[in-house]
Protein backbone atom coordinates (compact mmCIF):
# COMPACT_ATOMS: atom_id res chain seq x y z
CA MET A 1 -22.34 15.54 -12.99
CA THR A 2 -17.87 15.44 -12.22
CA ALA A 3 -16.21 12.91 -9.74
CA PRO A 4 -14.20 14.18 -7.27
CA GLY A 5 -10.58 13.12 -9.13
CA ASP A 6 -11.70 15.58 -12.01
CA PRO A 7 -9.91 18.24 -11.54
CA GLY A 8 -13.20 20.27 -12.80
CA ALA A 9 -15.01 19.72 -9.58
CA PRO A 10 -15.52 21.03 -6.72
CA LEU A 11 -14.19 19.39 -3.46
CA ASP A 12 -16.99 18.97 -1.14
CA GLY A 13 -16.37 15.70 0.99
CA LEU A 14 -14.12 13.58 3.38
CA LEU A 15 -10.40 13.33 2.78
CA THR A 16 -8.99 11.07 5.43
CA VAL A 17 -5.09 11.86 5.84
CA GLU A 18 -1.92 10.30 8.08
CA LYS A 19 -0.63 13.48 10.22
CA GLY A 20 3.43 12.58 10.39
CA GLY A 21 5.14 14.77 13.83
CA GLY A 22 6.54 17.89 14.37
CA VAL A 23 3.46 19.54 12.06
CA THR A 24 0.12 20.95 13.56
CA SER A 25 -3.55 20.12 12.21
CA PHE A 26 -3.85 23.37 11.70
CA GLN A 27 -0.70 23.13 9.31
CA VAL A 28 -1.73 20.02 7.91
CA VAL A 29 -5.10 21.73 6.77
CA ALA A 30 -3.41 24.74 5.55
CA HIS A 31 -0.99 22.67 3.25
CA LEU A 32 -4.71 20.58 1.84
CA ARG A 33 -6.21 23.71 1.15
CA ARG A 34 -3.28 25.29 -0.66
CA VAL A 35 -2.68 22.31 -2.53
CA LEU A 36 -6.62 21.32 -3.75
CA ARG A 37 -7.23 24.64 -3.99
CA VAL A 38 -10.35 24.83 -1.64
CA PRO A 39 -11.67 27.69 0.75
CA LYS A 40 -13.06 26.24 3.37
CA VAL A 41 -10.81 23.33 4.79
CA GLY A 42 -11.77 21.46 9.00
CA HIS A 43 -10.61 18.89 10.20
CA GLY A 44 -12.29 15.83 12.46
CA GLY A 45 -10.03 16.71 16.14
CA THR A 46 -6.85 18.40 16.66
CA LEU A 47 -4.14 15.74 17.12
CA ASP A 48 -0.74 17.88 18.83
CA PRO A 49 2.07 18.29 17.15
CA MET A 50 4.22 15.35 18.80
CA ALA A 51 1.63 13.28 17.60
CA THR A 52 1.00 10.90 14.82
CA GLY A 53 -1.73 8.98 13.14
CA VAL A 54 -6.09 9.47 11.69
CA LEU A 55 -6.92 13.19 10.64
CA PRO A 56 -10.17 13.46 8.75
CA VAL A 57 -10.31 16.35 6.91
CA LEU A 58 -13.07 18.17 5.50
CA LEU A 59 -13.25 19.72 2.11
CA GLY A 60 -15.72 22.75 1.27
CA GLU A 61 -19.75 21.56 2.12
CA ALA A 62 -18.20 18.74 4.20
CA THR A 63 -16.96 21.19 7.07
CA LYS A 64 -20.54 22.31 8.52
CA LEU A 65 -20.31 18.28 9.79
CA THR A 66 -17.23 19.17 11.89
CA PRO A 67 -19.42 19.01 15.07
CA TYR A 68 -20.54 14.99 14.96
CA LEU A 69 -17.30 13.72 13.04
CA GLN A 70 -15.38 15.60 16.00
CA ALA A 71 -17.69 14.02 18.67
CA GLN A 72 -17.06 10.72 17.38
CA ASP A 73 -15.33 7.74 19.54
CA LYS A 74 -11.16 7.71 19.30
CA GLU A 75 -8.62 5.37 19.87
CA TYR A 76 -5.23 6.26 21.02
CA VAL A 77 -1.48 3.61 21.21
CA ALA A 78 0.69 5.72 23.26
CA THR A 79 3.60 5.36 25.17
CA VAL A 80 3.86 6.37 29.35
CA ARG A 81 7.18 7.04 31.09
CA LEU A 82 7.52 6.68 34.19
CA GLY A 83 9.41 8.40 36.47
CA ARG A 84 9.41 11.96 34.63
CA SER A 85 7.20 14.79 34.35
CA THR A 86 7.07 18.02 32.27
CA ASP A 87 4.99 21.23 32.31
CA THR A 88 2.94 19.82 29.41
CA LEU A 89 2.50 16.35 30.53
CA ASP A 90 4.56 15.71 27.07
CA ALA A 91 8.34 14.89 26.31
CA THR A 92 8.03 18.11 24.77
CA GLY A 93 8.24 19.55 27.91
CA ARG A 94 10.57 20.87 30.38
CA VAL A 95 11.34 18.05 33.26
CA THR A 96 10.31 18.85 36.23
CA ALA A 97 10.49 15.79 38.65
CA GLU A 98 11.95 12.46 38.04
CA ARG A 99 11.63 9.81 40.83
CA PRO A 100 12.72 6.91 40.41
CA VAL A 101 9.94 3.98 39.28
CA PRO A 102 8.95 1.07 42.06
CA PRO A 103 9.28 -2.22 41.10
CA LEU A 104 6.09 -3.21 39.01
CA ASP A 105 4.60 -5.80 37.42
CA ALA A 106 2.65 -6.05 34.26
CA GLY A 107 -0.59 -6.84 36.77
CA ALA A 108 0.28 -4.02 38.92
CA LEU A 109 -0.07 -2.22 35.55
CA ARG A 110 -3.28 -3.42 34.71
CA ALA A 111 -5.11 -2.41 38.36
CA ALA A 112 -3.97 0.85 38.02
CA LEU A 113 -4.80 1.27 34.76
CA ALA A 114 -8.13 -0.09 34.86
CA ARG A 115 -9.22 2.52 37.28
CA PHE A 116 -8.98 5.42 34.22
CA GLU A 117 -11.91 2.65 33.02
CA GLY A 118 -14.88 4.59 32.82
CA GLU A 119 -16.31 8.05 33.24
CA ILE A 120 -14.21 10.02 35.25
CA GLU A 121 -12.97 13.45 35.92
CA GLN A 122 -10.40 15.12 34.23
CA VAL A 123 -8.19 18.11 34.89
CA PRO A 124 -7.73 19.82 31.39
CA PRO A 125 -3.42 20.29 30.78
CA MET A 126 -2.46 24.17 31.15
CA PHE A 127 -0.81 23.43 27.16
CA SER A 128 -3.78 23.05 25.93
CA ALA A 129 -5.83 25.01 23.02
CA LEU A 130 -9.12 25.36 25.64
CA HIS A 131 -9.54 28.85 26.40
CA ALA A 132 -9.92 30.97 29.94
CA GLY A 133 -10.22 34.77 29.63
CA GLY A 134 -10.27 35.30 26.34
CA ARG A 135 -6.49 33.24 25.74
CA ARG A 136 -6.12 30.34 24.76
CA LEU A 137 -5.11 28.23 28.03
CA HIS A 138 -1.32 27.21 26.48
CA GLU A 139 -0.53 31.08 25.49
CA LEU A 140 -1.04 31.62 29.42
CA ALA A 141 1.32 28.72 30.27
CA ARG A 142 3.58 29.85 28.38
CA ALA A 143 3.80 32.92 29.61
CA GLY A 144 4.18 31.13 32.99
CA ILE A 145 0.64 31.89 33.80
CA GLU A 146 -0.97 28.85 35.77
CA VAL A 147 -5.19 29.01 36.36
CA ALA A 148 -7.59 26.61 37.82
CA ARG A 149 -8.87 24.77 35.67
CA ALA A 150 -12.86 22.86 36.14
CA PRO A 151 -12.58 19.40 35.94
CA ARG A 152 -14.51 17.74 32.91
CA ARG A 153 -16.43 14.11 32.79
CA VAL A 154 -14.75 12.22 29.84
CA ARG A 155 -15.51 8.24 29.20
CA ILE A 156 -13.01 6.13 28.40
CA HIS A 157 -13.96 2.83 27.32
CA ALA A 158 -11.32 0.60 27.48
CA ILE A 159 -7.17 0.78 28.22
CA GLU A 160 -5.09 -2.31 28.06
CA LEU A 161 -1.68 -2.94 28.27
CA LEU A 162 0.61 -3.49 25.61
CA GLU A 163 3.82 -3.85 26.24
CA TRP A 164 6.16 -3.12 29.21
CA ALA A 165 9.81 -2.17 29.13
CA PRO A 166 10.81 -0.52 32.64
CA PRO A 167 10.45 2.89 32.22
CA LEU A 168 8.66 2.43 29.54
CA LEU A 169 4.82 1.40 29.35
CA ARG A 170 2.18 1.20 25.88
CA VAL A 171 -0.84 1.12 26.12
CA ARG A 172 -4.02 1.21 23.66
CA VAL A 173 -6.68 3.58 24.68
CA ALA A 174 -10.04 3.64 22.92
CA CYS A 175 -12.07 7.18 24.33
CA GLY A 176 -14.57 9.34 23.57
CA LYS A 177 -14.58 13.40 22.53
CA GLY A 178 -12.50 15.38 25.12
CA THR A 179 -10.37 13.35 26.89
CA TYR A 180 -6.52 14.17 26.86
CA ILE A 181 -4.28 11.38 26.82
CA ARG A 182 -0.78 13.46 28.18
CA SER A 183 -3.31 13.93 31.03
CA VAL A 184 -4.49 9.78 31.31
CA ALA A 185 -0.34 10.09 30.98
CA ALA A 186 0.33 11.99 34.26
CA ASP A 187 -2.87 10.88 36.60
CA LEU A 188 -1.53 7.54 35.40
CA GLY A 189 2.02 8.22 37.27
CA GLN A 190 0.70 10.41 39.93
CA ALA A 191 -0.94 6.95 40.83
CA LEU A 192 1.94 5.25 40.91
CA GLY A 193 3.77 7.49 43.00
CA CYS A 194 6.56 8.13 40.55
CA GLY A 195 5.39 10.86 37.95
CA ALA A 196 5.40 10.42 34.01
CA CYS A 197 4.72 12.15 30.95
CA LEU A 198 3.37 11.25 27.02
CA GLU A 199 6.57 10.03 25.19
CA ALA A 200 4.75 9.52 21.61
CA LEU A 201 1.21 9.16 20.60
CA THR A 202 -0.53 7.11 17.47
CA ARG A 203 -4.58 7.98 17.10
CA THR A 204 -4.95 4.18 15.45
CA ARG A 205 -9.13 5.55 14.98
CA LEU A 206 -11.60 8.07 14.78
CA GLY A 207 -15.21 6.96 14.68
CA PRO A 208 -15.17 4.86 11.35
CA PHE A 209 -11.33 5.13 10.13
CA SER A 210 -8.47 3.98 10.53
CA LEU A 211 -4.81 4.07 9.68
CA ALA A 212 -5.71 1.56 6.88
CA ASP A 213 -8.40 4.75 5.78
CA ALA A 214 -5.72 7.42 5.38
CA VAL A 215 -3.25 8.61 2.89
CA PRO A 216 -0.36 8.44 4.21
CA TRP A 217 1.98 11.17 5.43
CA ALA A 218 5.31 11.06 2.82
CA LEU A 219 2.15 11.82 0.20
CA VAL A 220 -0.01 14.57 2.17
CA ARG A 221 3.70 16.46 2.35
CA GLU A 222 4.74 15.80 -1.52
CA GLY A 223 0.74 17.30 -2.05
CA ASP A 224 -0.36 15.91 -5.93
CA PRO A 225 -3.70 17.18 -6.25
CA ALA A 226 -4.91 14.41 -8.81
CA THR A 227 -3.55 11.48 -6.17
CA LEU A 228 -5.10 13.98 -3.48
CA ARG A 229 -8.63 13.66 -5.40
CA THR A 230 -8.92 10.15 -6.56
CA ARG A 231 -9.08 9.40 -1.95
CA VAL A 232 -11.89 12.40 -0.96
CA LEU A 233 -15.27 11.03 0.28
CA PRO A 234 -18.68 11.79 0.50
CA ALA A 235 -19.05 14.20 2.82
CA ASP A 236 -21.85 11.78 4.42
CA ARG A 237 -18.90 9.01 5.05
CA ALA A 238 -18.03 11.63 7.58
CA VAL A 239 -21.62 10.58 9.93
CA PRO A 240 -22.04 7.09 9.16
CA HIS A 241 -23.37 6.63 12.99
CA LEU A 242 -25.97 8.90 12.29
CA PRO A 243 -29.36 7.16 11.11
CA GLY A 244 -30.42 7.95 7.59
CA VAL A 245 -33.79 8.86 6.31
CA ARG A 246 -34.22 9.79 2.88
CA LEU A 247 -36.97 12.43 2.39
CA GLU A 248 -39.76 12.15 -0.46
CA GLU A 249 -38.57 15.84 -3.09
CA ALA A 250 -41.34 17.87 -1.60
CA GLY A 251 -40.74 17.11 1.69
CA ALA A 252 -36.67 17.91 1.26
CA GLU A 253 -37.78 21.13 -0.32
CA ARG A 254 -39.46 22.20 2.60
CA ILE A 255 -36.90 21.43 4.50
CA ARG A 256 -34.29 23.19 2.50
CA HIS A 257 -36.39 26.64 3.33
CA GLY A 258 -36.70 25.92 6.79
CA GLY A 259 -39.74 24.05 7.17
CA ARG A 260 -40.36 21.19 9.50
CA LEU A 261 -42.30 18.01 8.49
CA ALA A 262 -44.49 16.15 10.70
CA PRO A 263 -44.06 12.91 11.75
CA GLY A 264 -44.70 10.50 8.56
CA GLU A 265 -45.12 13.42 6.16
CA LEU A 266 -42.94 13.69 2.90
CA GLY A 267 -40.54 10.90 4.09
CA ALA A 268 -40.31 11.71 7.97
CA PRO A 269 -39.60 9.07 10.02
CA SER A 270 -42.80 8.24 11.77
CA ALA A 271 -43.59 8.97 15.70
CA ALA A 272 -41.90 6.14 16.24
CA GLY A 273 -38.85 6.36 14.14
CA PRO A 274 -35.52 7.33 14.98
CA THR A 275 -35.12 10.59 17.27
CA GLY A 276 -31.85 13.26 17.57
CA ALA A 277 -29.88 13.67 14.97
CA CYS A 278 -30.66 12.27 11.77
CA ARG A 279 -28.75 12.23 8.20
CA LEU A 280 -31.15 13.49 5.55
CA TYR A 281 -31.46 12.17 1.90
CA ALA A 282 -33.33 13.83 -1.48
CA GLY A 283 -33.63 11.02 -3.26
CA ASP A 284 -29.84 9.58 -2.95
CA VAL A 285 -28.71 13.23 -3.07
CA PHE A 286 -27.46 13.44 0.78
CA ILE A 287 -28.18 17.40 2.10
CA GLY A 288 -27.19 17.58 5.34
CA ILE A 289 -27.85 16.83 9.20
CA GLY A 290 -31.78 16.93 10.47
CA GLU A 291 -32.90 16.17 14.26
CA ALA A 292 -36.43 13.99 14.52
CA SER A 293 -37.81 13.88 17.28
CA VAL A 294 -41.75 13.13 18.66
CA ALA A 295 -42.74 17.15 16.54
CA GLY A 296 -41.22 15.99 13.47
CA LEU A 297 -38.14 16.68 11.52
CA ARG A 298 -36.65 20.09 11.45
CA SER A 299 -32.85 20.96 9.81
CA LEU A 300 -29.61 21.40 12.19
CA ARG A 301 -27.32 22.07 9.33
CA LEU A 302 -27.81 21.76 5.45
CA LEU A 303 -24.48 21.86 2.88
CA HIS A 304 -25.37 24.35 -0.27
CA ALA A 305 -28.02 25.61 1.56
CA ASP A 306 -26.25 28.99 1.44
CA PRO A 307 -27.28 31.61 -1.50
CA PRO A 308 -23.76 32.17 -3.76
CA ARG A 309 -22.13 35.56 -2.70
CA PRO A 310 -22.51 38.06 -6.10
CA ARG A 311 -19.24 38.23 -7.38
CA ALA A 312 -17.89 42.14 -6.77
CA VAL A 313 -17.22 44.02 -10.80
CA PRO A 314 -14.03 46.17 -10.53
CA ARG A 315 -14.19 49.56 -11.67
């Protein structure tokens, strides 16, 4: 078996990189697809072009794990400018209003921030990749069209004031999937009566992956395949939050062919074992994601389960 650093090895795994400012997450993915020559590449959660920080990238068969990676909690350090509102809710947009910032101390700011902790309803910004009527919201926004957006329930685990230097404040936000930090900034400004927009944003953690784990942006941009290959992690490192289930070979074969295992059969969890999504192993080999329940074990997403396509023979 070849190692990920071997230029002849197929690349299936996880590469955690630092995204630089001024580029889209899609551009980072396209760059890595080109330099690593991997046909399938995805990422663990979009960062706006102005944002920097942790961007886990899934390669090859590991792209099947994308929804499980994207669902993990995230942390950000955000700089918010009070007194200014923009159409994009961040510093890249057109200024729509400027108002004086009231006298505020750290205690007043902490009290305002505390209102955003827990499960809250948040209206997605118009400048986002969500769809409405078959078009992305940001496309409609650039055409001058605004549509009604239903609020979504999101969870903010913690929001902490790091620094207050009027009119700028820096905060740390730990949150769940689907939270727009731009919207948090704008809603904070509305609560304080002066408006606000997001000045800068760095994602410092996604799931277990922090900036300390990430390949620095300078190395990503340089794009040396040998260097990047040495940083590729096994695919199952993308989903460490899921419990692992080690199957007997016969059980793994049945799962690979779409079968189901009864509780306790051939390595499947017993009825008293874990329920929900889990990592599946045939011996020590990670084969994908399954779902355990009182009814038994079934597959959800298997790696290397698709038969290879025949090559087209030129005539």
